[in-house]
Amino acid sequence: MISKSELESLAKKLMFEMNDDEYETLEKEFDVILKQMDLIGNIKDIDKVEPMIFPFDLELNDDYLREDVYNNEITFDDMKINVKDYEDNRVKVPKVVE
């Protein structure tokens, strides 16, 4: 289980502001996630299972999946309408990591 002090330390490093209710909810969610990870870790003979490369059991050929097509170009002039600060065709964002 992850403690509230560990969550507070992580929140501080990530510059998150959280109240006690949010910490309590996050503790419970982490507890569920860690229990699920334990269950996954206890699966026997997992190394004998062939990895799945596609979720459906189909004969794959060139006709089944389409090629990726680039079809939506946004110019910098269009983009800068939605940004607060930019310089030399680059968007400036606030520093979020110490």
C-alpha atoms as a PDB file:
ATOM      1  CA  MET A   1       0.000   0.000   0.000  1.00  0.00           C
ATOM      2  CA  ILE A   2       1.175   3.511  -0.696  1.00  0.00           C
ATOM      3  CA  SER A   3       1.068   5.952   2.199  1.00  0.00           C
ATOM      4  CA  LYS A   4      -0.382   9.439   2.270  1.00  0.00           C
ATOM      5  CA  SER A   5       3.096  10.855   2.929  1.00  0.00           C
ATOM      6  CA  GLU A   6       4.412   9.152  -0.233  1.00  0.00           C
ATOM      7  CA  LEU A   7       1.512  10.589  -2.219  1.00  0.00           C
ATOM      8  CA  GLU A   8       2.137  14.041  -0.743  1.00  0.00           C
ATOM      9  CA  SER A   9       5.801  13.811  -1.715  1.00  0.00           C
ATOM     10  CA  LEU A  10       4.922  12.802  -5.280  1.00  0.00           C
ATOM     11  CA  ALA A  11       2.265  15.518  -5.535  1.00  0.00           C
ATOM     12  CA  LYS A  12       4.775  18.125  -4.406  1.00  0.00           C
ATOM     13  CA  LYS A  13       7.355  16.972  -6.967  1.00  0.00           C
ATOM     14  CA  LEU A  14       4.703  17.072  -9.705  1.00  0.00           C
ATOM     15  CA  MET A  15       3.422  20.445  -8.488  1.00  0.00           C
ATOM     16  CA  PHE A  16      -0.080  19.063  -7.823  1.00  0.00           C
ATOM     17  CA  GLU A  17      -2.322  20.623  -5.236  1.00  0.00           C
ATOM     18  CA  MET A  18      -4.602  18.072  -3.571  1.00  0.00           C
ATOM     19  CA  ASN A  19      -6.968  18.121  -0.614  1.00  0.00           C
ATOM     20  CA  ASP A  20      -7.404  15.374   2.003  1.00  0.00           C
ATOM     21  CA  ASP A  21     -10.382  13.816   0.187  1.00  0.00           C
ATOM     22  CA  GLU A  22      -8.351  13.513  -3.007  1.00  0.00           C
ATOM     23  CA  TYR A  23      -5.468  11.875  -1.123  1.00  0.00           C
ATOM     24  CA  GLU A  24      -7.890   9.406   0.463  1.00  0.00           C
ATOM     25  CA  THR A  25      -9.423   8.549  -2.916  1.00  0.00           C
ATOM     26  CA  LEU A  26      -5.994   8.182  -4.504  1.00  0.00           C
ATOM     27  CA  GLU A  27      -4.816   5.892  -1.680  1.00  0.00           C
ATOM     28  CA  LYS A  28      -7.818   3.613  -2.278  1.00  0.00           C
ATOM     29  CA  GLU A  29      -7.277   3.615  -6.041  1.00  0.00           C
ATOM     30  CA  PHE A  30      -3.586   2.769  -5.645  1.00  0.00           C
ATOM     31  CA  ASP A  31      -4.515  -0.059  -3.270  1.00  0.00           C
ATOM     32  CA  VAL A  32      -6.817  -1.551  -5.923  1.00  0.00           C
ATOM     33  CA  ILE A  33      -4.175  -1.148  -8.641  1.00  0.00           C
ATOM     34  CA  LEU A  34      -1.453  -2.766  -6.519  1.00  0.00           C
ATOM     35  CA  LYS A  35      -3.739  -5.722  -5.704  1.00  0.00           C
ATOM     36  CA  GLN A  36      -4.474  -6.157  -9.413  1.00  0.00           C
ATOM     37  CA  MET A  37      -0.748  -6.065 -10.185  1.00  0.00           C
ATOM     38  CA  ASP A  38      -0.181  -8.783  -7.564  1.00  0.00           C
ATOM     39  CA  LEU A  39      -2.825 -10.929  -9.267  1.00  0.00           C
ATOM     40  CA  ILE A  40      -1.160 -10.434 -12.633  1.00  0.00           C
ATOM     41  CA  GLY A  41       2.232 -11.207 -11.105  1.00  0.00           C
ATOM     42  CA  ASN A  42       0.905 -14.524  -9.777  1.00  0.00           C
ATOM     43  CA  ILE A  43      -0.126 -15.868 -13.189  1.00  0.00           C
ATOM     44  CA  LYS A  44       1.731 -19.144 -13.710  1.00  0.00           C
ATOM     45  CA  ASP A  45       3.666 -20.085 -16.847  1.00  0.00           C
ATOM     46  CA  ILE A  46       3.084 -16.703 -18.487  1.00  0.00           C
ATOM     47  CA  ASP A  47       6.420 -17.032 -20.288  1.00  0.00           C
ATOM     48  CA  LYS A  48       5.002 -19.997 -22.237  1.00  0.00           C
ATOM     49  CA  VAL A  49       2.224 -17.918 -23.822  1.00  0.00           C
ATOM     50  CA  GLU A  50       2.851 -16.480 -27.263  1.00  0.00           C
ATOM     51  CA  PRO A  51       2.522 -12.663 -27.298  1.00  0.00           C
ATOM     52  CA  MET A  52      -0.553 -11.249 -29.021  1.00  0.00           C
ATOM     53  CA  ILE A  53       0.274  -9.036 -31.979  1.00  0.00           C
ATOM     54  CA  PHE A  54      -3.295  -8.357 -33.088  1.00  0.00           C
ATOM     55  CA  PRO A  55      -6.512  -8.695 -31.072  1.00  0.00           C
ATOM     56  CA  PHE A  56      -8.384 -10.707 -33.714  1.00  0.00           C
ATOM     57  CA  ASP A  57      -7.548 -14.092 -35.148  1.00  0.00           C
ATOM     58  CA  LEU A  58      -7.461 -13.080 -38.815  1.00  0.00           C
ATOM     59  CA  GLU A  59      -5.314 -13.620 -41.853  1.00  0.00           C
ATOM     60  CA  LEU A  60      -3.674 -10.248 -42.220  1.00  0.00           C
ATOM     61  CA  ASN A  61      -2.935  -8.981 -45.673  1.00  0.00           C
ATOM     62  CA  ASP A  62      -2.412  -5.640 -47.334  1.00  0.00           C
ATOM     63  CA  ASP A  63      -6.135  -5.252 -48.047  1.00  0.00           C
ATOM     64  CA  TYR A  64      -7.305  -5.592 -44.441  1.00  0.00           C
ATOM     65  CA  LEU A  65      -5.625  -2.613 -42.785  1.00  0.00           C
ATOM     66  CA  ARG A  66      -5.431   0.764 -44.426  1.00  0.00           C
ATOM     67  CA  GLU A  67      -2.231   2.745 -44.711  1.00  0.00           C
ATOM     68  CA  ASP A  68      -1.816   5.696 -42.393  1.00  0.00           C
ATOM     69  CA  VAL A  69      -2.650   8.839 -44.314  1.00  0.00           C
ATOM     70  CA  TYR A  70      -1.503  12.281 -43.252  1.00  0.00           C
ATOM     71  CA  ASN A  71      -4.482  14.513 -43.886  1.00  0.00           C
ATOM     72  CA  ASN A  72      -4.661  17.344 -41.389  1.00  0.00           C
ATOM     73  CA  GLU A  73      -1.969  19.961 -41.561  1.00  0.00           C
ATOM     74  CA  ILE A  74      -2.109  22.861 -39.140  1.00  0.00           C
ATOM     75  CA  THR A  75       0.076  25.801 -40.025  1.00  0.00           C
ATOM     76  CA  PHE A  76       1.939  27.676 -37.333  1.00  0.00           C
ATOM     77  CA  ASP A  77      -0.165  30.759 -38.092  1.00  0.00           C
ATOM     78  CA  ASP A  78      -3.317  28.737 -37.400  1.00  0.00           C
ATOM     79  CA  MET A  79      -1.847  27.241 -34.263  1.00  0.00           C
ATOM     80  CA  LYS A  80      -0.589  30.461 -32.701  1.00  0.00           C
ATOM     81  CA  ILE A  81      -4.178  31.712 -32.467  1.00  0.00           C
ATOM     82  CA  ASN A  82      -4.613  29.193 -29.633  1.00  0.00           C
ATOM     83  CA  VAL A  83      -1.331  29.670 -27.740  1.00  0.00           C
ATOM     84  CA  LYS A  84      -0.399  32.250 -25.138  1.00  0.00           C
ATOM     85  CA  ASP A  85       3.279  32.636 -25.973  1.00  0.00           C
ATOM     86  CA  TYR A  86       5.511  31.659 -28.878  1.00  0.00           C
ATOM     87  CA  GLU A  87       8.938  32.475 -30.260  1.00  0.00           C
ATOM     88  CA  ASP A  88      10.702  31.501 -33.502  1.00  0.00           C
ATOM     89  CA  ASN A  89       7.900  29.180 -34.626  1.00  0.00           C
ATOM     90  CA  ARG A  90       7.956  27.361 -31.286  1.00  0.00           C
ATOM     91  CA  VAL A  91       5.339  27.358 -28.566  1.00  0.00           C
ATOM     92  CA  LYS A  92       6.603  28.462 -25.160  1.00  0.00           C
ATOM     93  CA  VAL A  93       5.107  26.546 -22.235  1.00  0.00           C
ATOM     94  CA  PRO A  94       5.519  27.106 -18.502  1.00  0.00           C
ATOM     95  CA  LYS A  95       8.095  25.047 -16.645  1.00  0.00           C
ATOM     96  CA  VAL A  96       6.340  22.226 -14.792  1.00  0.00           C
ATOM     97  CA  VAL A  97       9.254  20.163 -13.453  1.00  0.00           C
ATOM     98  CA  GLU A  98      11.852  21.372 -11.000  1.00  0.00           C
END
